[in-house]
Every structure is written in C-alpha cells, then in structure tokens.
C-alpha atoms as a PDB file:
ATOM      1  CA  MET A   1       0.000   0.000   0.000  1.00  0.00           C
ATOM      2  CA  ALA A   2       1.432   3.353  -1.030  1.00  0.00           C
ATOM      3  CA  GLN A   3       1.689   5.774   1.891  1.00  0.00           C
ATOM      4  CA  LEU A   4       1.288   9.386   0.799  1.00  0.00           C
ATOM      5  CA  THR A   5       0.746  12.620   2.654  1.00  0.00           C
ATOM      6  CA  SER A   6      -3.040  12.858   2.831  1.00  0.00           C
ATOM      7  CA  PHE A   7      -4.342   9.689   1.168  1.00  0.00           C
ATOM      8  CA  GLU A   8      -3.509   6.031   0.766  1.00  0.00           C
ATOM      9  CA  ILE A   9      -3.896   3.580  -2.116  1.00  0.00           C
ATOM     10  CA  ARG A  10      -4.937  -0.005  -1.602  1.00  0.00           C
ATOM     11  CA  ASN A  11      -6.190  -2.932  -3.613  1.00  0.00           C
ATOM     12  CA  ALA A  12      -9.948  -3.054  -3.233  1.00  0.00           C
ATOM     13  CA  ASP A  13     -12.118  -6.026  -2.377  1.00  0.00           C
ATOM     14  CA  TYR A  14     -14.899  -5.695  -4.966  1.00  0.00           C
ATOM     15  CA  LYS A  15     -17.722  -7.006  -2.771  1.00  0.00           C
ATOM     16  CA  ALA A  16     -16.626  -5.296   0.442  1.00  0.00           C
ATOM     17  CA  ASP A  17     -15.740  -1.991  -1.253  1.00  0.00           C
ATOM     18  CA  LEU A  18     -18.525  -1.841  -3.840  1.00  0.00           C
ATOM     19  CA  SER A  19     -20.345   1.037  -2.121  1.00  0.00           C
ATOM     20  CA  LEU A  20     -17.150   3.157  -2.121  1.00  0.00           C
ATOM     21  CA  LEU A  21     -16.443   2.290  -5.757  1.00  0.00           C
ATOM     22  CA  ARG A  22     -20.022   3.234  -6.676  1.00  0.00           C
ATOM     23  CA  GLN A  23     -19.890   6.555  -4.825  1.00  0.00           C
ATOM     24  CA  ILE A  24     -16.712   7.622  -6.597  1.00  0.00           C
ATOM     25  CA  ARG A  25     -17.511   6.368 -10.087  1.00  0.00           C
ATOM     26  CA  GLU A  26     -21.079   7.582 -10.097  1.00  0.00           C
ATOM     27  CA  SER A  27     -20.037  10.993  -8.793  1.00  0.00           C
ATOM     28  CA  VAL A  28     -17.394  11.403 -11.507  1.00  0.00           C
ATOM     29  CA  PHE A  29     -18.855   9.566 -14.486  1.00  0.00           C
ATOM     30  CA  VAL A  30     -22.629   9.572 -14.052  1.00  0.00           C
ATOM     31  CA  ILE A  31     -23.186  12.943 -12.352  1.00  0.00           C
ATOM     32  CA  GLU A  32     -20.211  15.036 -13.507  1.00  0.00           C
ATOM     33  CA  GLN A  33     -19.682  13.608 -17.019  1.00  0.00           C
ATOM     34  CA  GLN A  34     -23.272  12.523 -17.704  1.00  0.00           C
ATOM     35  CA  VAL A  35     -22.359   8.934 -18.598  1.00  0.00           C
ATOM     36  CA  PRO A  36     -25.503   6.752 -18.445  1.00  0.00           C
ATOM     37  CA  VAL A  37     -25.369   4.528 -15.365  1.00  0.00           C
ATOM     38  CA  THR A  38     -26.127   1.531 -17.609  1.00  0.00           C
ATOM     39  CA  LEU A  39     -22.790   2.124 -19.394  1.00  0.00           C
ATOM     40  CA  GLU A  40     -20.804   2.721 -16.220  1.00  0.00           C
ATOM     41  CA  TRP A  41     -21.381  -0.701 -14.652  1.00  0.00           C
ATOM     42  CA  ASP A  42     -20.677  -3.736 -16.810  1.00  0.00           C
ATOM     43  CA  ALA A  43     -20.617  -7.501 -16.509  1.00  0.00           C
ATOM     44  CA  ILE A  44     -16.816  -7.710 -16.177  1.00  0.00           C
ATOM     45  CA  ASP A  45     -16.636  -5.393 -13.157  1.00  0.00           C
ATOM     46  CA  PRO A  46     -16.657  -8.242 -10.572  1.00  0.00           C
ATOM     47  CA  ASP A  47     -13.815  -9.988 -12.448  1.00  0.00           C
ATOM     48  CA  CYS A  48     -11.491  -6.949 -12.439  1.00  0.00           C
ATOM     49  CA  TRP A  49      -8.768  -5.903 -10.039  1.00  0.00           C
ATOM     50  CA  HIS A  50      -9.847  -2.611  -8.423  1.00  0.00           C
ATOM     51  CA  VAL A  51      -7.749  -0.066  -6.573  1.00  0.00           C
ATOM     52  CA  LEU A  52      -9.044   2.527  -4.165  1.00  0.00           C
ATOM     53  CA  ALA A  53      -7.681   5.819  -2.878  1.00  0.00           C
ATOM     54  CA  CYS A  54      -8.942   6.877   0.545  1.00  0.00           C
ATOM     55  CA  ASP A  55      -8.527  10.047   2.588  1.00  0.00           C
ATOM     56  CA  LYS A  56      -6.244   9.111   5.494  1.00  0.00           C
ATOM     57  CA  LYS A  57      -8.159  11.303   7.953  1.00  0.00           C
ATOM     58  CA  ASN A  58     -11.575   9.729   7.612  1.00  0.00           C
ATOM     59  CA  GLY A  59     -11.262   6.746   5.270  1.00  0.00           C
ATOM     60  CA  ILE A  60     -13.598   8.268   2.676  1.00  0.00           C
ATOM     61  CA  GLY A  61     -13.071   6.975  -0.858  1.00  0.00           C
ATOM     62  CA  ILE A  62     -11.621   9.666  -3.136  1.00  0.00           C
ATOM     63  CA  GLY A  63     -10.497   7.775  -6.257  1.00  0.00           C
ATOM     64  CA  THR A  64     -10.551   4.440  -8.000  1.00  0.00           C
ATOM     65  CA  GLY A  65      -9.512   2.532 -11.100  1.00  0.00           C
ATOM     66  CA  ARG A  66      -9.635  -1.007 -12.411  1.00  0.00           C
ATOM     67  CA  LEU A  67      -7.594  -3.501 -14.372  1.00  0.00           C
ATOM     68  CA  THR A  68      -9.592  -5.907 -16.528  1.00  0.00           C
ATOM     69  CA  PRO A  69      -8.773  -9.502 -17.421  1.00  0.00           C
ATOM     70  CA  GLN A  70      -8.596  -8.166 -21.010  1.00  0.00           C
ATOM     71  CA  ARG A  71      -5.438  -6.266 -19.954  1.00  0.00           C
ATOM     72  CA  THR A  72      -6.963  -2.810 -19.933  1.00  0.00           C
ATOM     73  CA  ILE A  73      -6.911  -0.066 -17.336  1.00  0.00           C
ATOM     74  CA  GLY A  74     -10.176   1.758 -16.949  1.00  0.00           C
ATOM     75  CA  ARG A  75     -12.717   3.506 -14.787  1.00  0.00           C
ATOM     76  CA  MET A  76     -10.019   5.861 -13.487  1.00  0.00           C
ATOM     77  CA  ALA A  77     -11.924   8.380 -11.392  1.00  0.00           C
ATOM     78  CA  VAL A  78     -10.829  10.954  -8.807  1.00  0.00           C
ATOM     79  CA  LEU A  79     -13.303  13.181  -6.970  1.00  0.00           C
ATOM     80  CA  SER A  80     -13.011  16.759  -8.237  1.00  0.00           C
ATOM     81  CA  GLU A  81     -11.805  18.225  -4.928  1.00  0.00           C
ATOM     82  CA  TRP A  82      -8.878  15.764  -4.916  1.00  0.00           C
ATOM     83  CA  ARG A  83      -7.645  16.317  -8.473  1.00  0.00           C
ATOM     84  CA  GLY A  84      -4.183  17.755  -8.935  1.00  0.00           C
ATOM     85  CA  ARG A  85      -2.943  16.215  -5.684  1.00  0.00           C
ATOM     86  CA  GLY A  86      -1.305  13.052  -7.023  1.00  0.00           C
ATOM     87  CA  VAL A  87      -4.243  10.695  -6.498  1.00  0.00           C
ATOM     88  CA  GLY A  88      -4.593   9.729 -10.174  1.00  0.00           C
ATOM     89  CA  HIS A  89      -0.827   9.240 -10.454  1.00  0.00           C
ATOM     90  CA  ALA A  90      -0.787   6.902  -7.429  1.00  0.00           C
ATOM     91  CA  LEU A  91      -3.823   4.941  -8.664  1.00  0.00           C
ATOM     92  CA  LEU A  92      -2.276   4.483 -12.111  1.00  0.00           C
ATOM     93  CA  LEU A  93       1.054   3.314 -10.669  1.00  0.00           C
ATOM     94  CA  GLN A  94      -0.770   0.730  -8.534  1.00  0.00           C
ATOM     95  CA  LEU A  95      -2.711  -0.540 -11.571  1.00  0.00           C
ATOM     96  CA  ILE A  96       0.496  -0.770 -13.612  1.00  0.00           C
ATOM     97  CA  GLU A  97       2.112  -2.788 -10.804  1.00  0.00           C
ATOM     98  CA  LEU A  98      -0.892  -5.142 -10.759  1.00  0.00           C
ATOM     99  CA  ALA A  99      -0.518  -5.632 -14.537  1.00  0.00           C
ATOM    100  CA  LYS A 100       3.211  -6.338 -14.130  1.00  0.00           C
ATOM    101  CA  ALA A 101       2.407  -8.888 -11.437  1.00  0.00           C
ATOM    102  CA  GLN A 102       0.341 -10.750 -14.050  1.00  0.00           C
ATOM    103  CA  GLN A 103       3.480 -10.765 -16.249  1.00  0.00           C
ATOM    104  CA  TRP A 104       1.611  -9.122 -19.109  1.00  0.00           C
ATOM    105  CA  PRO A 105       3.770  -7.671 -21.904  1.00  0.00           C
ATOM    106  CA  GLU A 106       1.583  -4.570 -22.188  1.00  0.00           C
ATOM    107  CA  VAL A 107      -1.522  -2.893 -20.870  1.00  0.00           C
ATOM    108  CA  SER A 108      -3.902  -0.597 -22.742  1.00  0.00           C
ATOM    109  CA  LEU A 109      -6.591   1.949 -21.973  1.00  0.00           C
ATOM    110  CA  HIS A 110      -9.188   4.193 -23.595  1.00  0.00           C
ATOM    111  CA  ALA A 111      -8.093   7.691 -22.595  1.00  0.00           C
ATOM    112  CA  GLN A 112     -10.494  10.586 -22.515  1.00  0.00           C
ATOM    113  CA  ILE A 113      -8.842  13.214 -24.727  1.00  0.00           C
ATOM    114  CA  SER A 114      -8.664  15.585 -21.752  1.00  0.00           C
ATOM    115  CA  ALA A 115      -6.548  12.984 -19.888  1.00  0.00           C
ATOM    116  CA  ARG A 116      -4.312  11.896 -22.779  1.00  0.00           C
ATOM    117  CA  ASP A 117      -1.329  14.003 -21.631  1.00  0.00           C
ATOM    118  CA  PHE A 118      -1.647  12.546 -18.115  1.00  0.00           C
ATOM    119  CA  TYR A 119      -1.210   9.042 -19.529  1.00  0.00           C
ATOM    120  CA  LYS A 120       1.588  10.140 -21.887  1.00  0.00           C
ATOM    121  CA  LYS A 121       3.553  11.339 -18.840  1.00  0.00           C
ATOM    122  CA  HIS A 122       3.352   7.755 -17.550  1.00  0.00           C
ATOM    123  CA  GLY A 123       4.735   6.278 -20.767  1.00  0.00           C
ATOM    124  CA  PHE A 124       1.502   5.396 -22.587  1.00  0.00           C
ATOM    125  CA  ILE A 125       1.546   5.827 -26.366  1.00  0.00           C
ATOM    126  CA  ALA A 126      -1.580   6.866 -28.268  1.00  0.00           C
ATOM    127  CA  TYR A 127      -2.605   4.893 -31.339  1.00  0.00           C
ATOM    128  CA  GLY A 128      -5.509   4.819 -33.756  1.00  0.00           C
ATOM    129  CA  PRO A 129      -8.200   7.402 -34.371  1.00  0.00           C
ATOM    130  CA  ILE A 130     -10.114   9.491 -31.845  1.00  0.00           C
ATOM    131  CA  TYR A 131     -13.559   8.004 -31.188  1.00  0.00           C
ATOM    132  CA  GLN A 132     -16.663   8.567 -29.086  1.00  0.00           C
ATOM    133  CA  GLU A 133     -17.288   6.426 -26.017  1.00  0.00           C
ATOM    134  CA  ALA A 134     -20.258   7.266 -23.783  1.00  0.00           C
ATOM    135  CA  GLY A 135     -20.512  10.583 -25.641  1.00  0.00           C
ATOM    136  CA  ILE A 136     -16.904  11.576 -24.762  1.00  0.00           C
ATOM    137  CA  GLU A 137     -13.927  11.728 -27.142  1.00  0.00           C
ATOM    138  CA  HIS A 138     -11.334   9.015 -26.424  1.00  0.00           C
ATOM    139  CA  GLN A 139      -8.171   7.612 -27.937  1.00  0.00           C
ATOM    140  CA  SER A 140      -6.656   4.191 -27.359  1.00  0.00           C
ATOM    141  CA  MET A 141      -3.268   4.089 -25.638  1.00  0.00           C
ATOM    142  CA  ARG A 142      -0.891   1.323 -24.613  1.00  0.00           C
ATOM    143  CA  LEU A 143       2.094   0.865 -22.326  1.00  0.00           C
ATOM    144  CA  ASP A 144       4.897  -1.623 -22.955  1.00  0.00           C
ATOM    145  CA  LEU A 145       5.397  -3.176 -19.512  1.00  0.00           C
ATOM    146  CA  ALA A 146       8.636  -4.889 -20.457  1.00  0.00           C
ATOM    147  CA  THR A 147      10.365  -1.495 -20.673  1.00  0.00           C
ATOM    148  CA  GLN A 148       8.955  -0.191 -17.387  1.00  0.00           C
ATOM    149  CA  ALA A 149      11.192  -0.192 -14.336  1.00  0.00           C
ATOM    150  CA  THR A 150       9.664  -1.765 -11.238  1.00  0.00           C
ATOM    151  CA  ASP A 151       9.113   0.784  -8.467  1.00  0.00           C
END
C-alpha cells in the first residue's frame, strides 16, 4: 500500500468496497460527465482488479480505477476536490504494478482526450483514431510493460 501525505492507495475487495467504488464512479462519471449509469457498470466489473484511494483522515473513498482480465486499465476516477494532488498518479502506478504482477507484456486503456497528456507522462503511447465512447472523445493508448522499471 502506497503511503502518501493525505491519502492512501490499496487494492480493493470488490464485494466489500462496492459502495465506495459506486460513490466515486457515479459521482465522476454519471453525475459530472453525464455517462448513463447503464454504461458505467458492466458484466466484467466483478472480475477486475480494483484499486481505491482513501482520505487518510476519515477513510472516505476519493479515487478508483480497475484492471480488466482483457489487460486494460479503466474507470479511473478521482473526486473533483482531490484532483491535482497526485491521487490519479498513485492509482495508475498501482494498476500498472498489478498488470506487471500478471506478467503481461503490455496494458492498454481508452483515454479521454482531456486525460491523454496525463497518460503520456506515464509512458503510454496513443494509437488509432479518436472516437466517441459514452458521448466523450477518447483515444486508445498502450504501455509496454517490459520497458517499465519496477518501483
């Protein structure tokens, strides 16, 4: 578990942490970004590895992300008041470490265009055309895990 100044990152237990995951993802995706709730929750969610960022003071969930069995990172969400404080960075690093632990050669994601530079800073490379997903422009990106140093 990464220990940071005001929050901590941990691997989530999907069943035990589902209410926290829902609060964060629905706040960011459904309410803020107007993604239909039927698109936010899918059949593979229980089969994914989930990570959770929590405020150290009160344990409240502040961010989350998942790694799918299809080798994709997704559902990266940080509550608006916590953005710009390293939460997304810490979540992404934890998800990358989980992918490395599976000994996968690469991991991919569908980046919202507004977050593309964030992922580029972490070594992801954009490929293919820009497309619409849930009414939001995205571009596919991938990271070669074989070239990534282990933290």
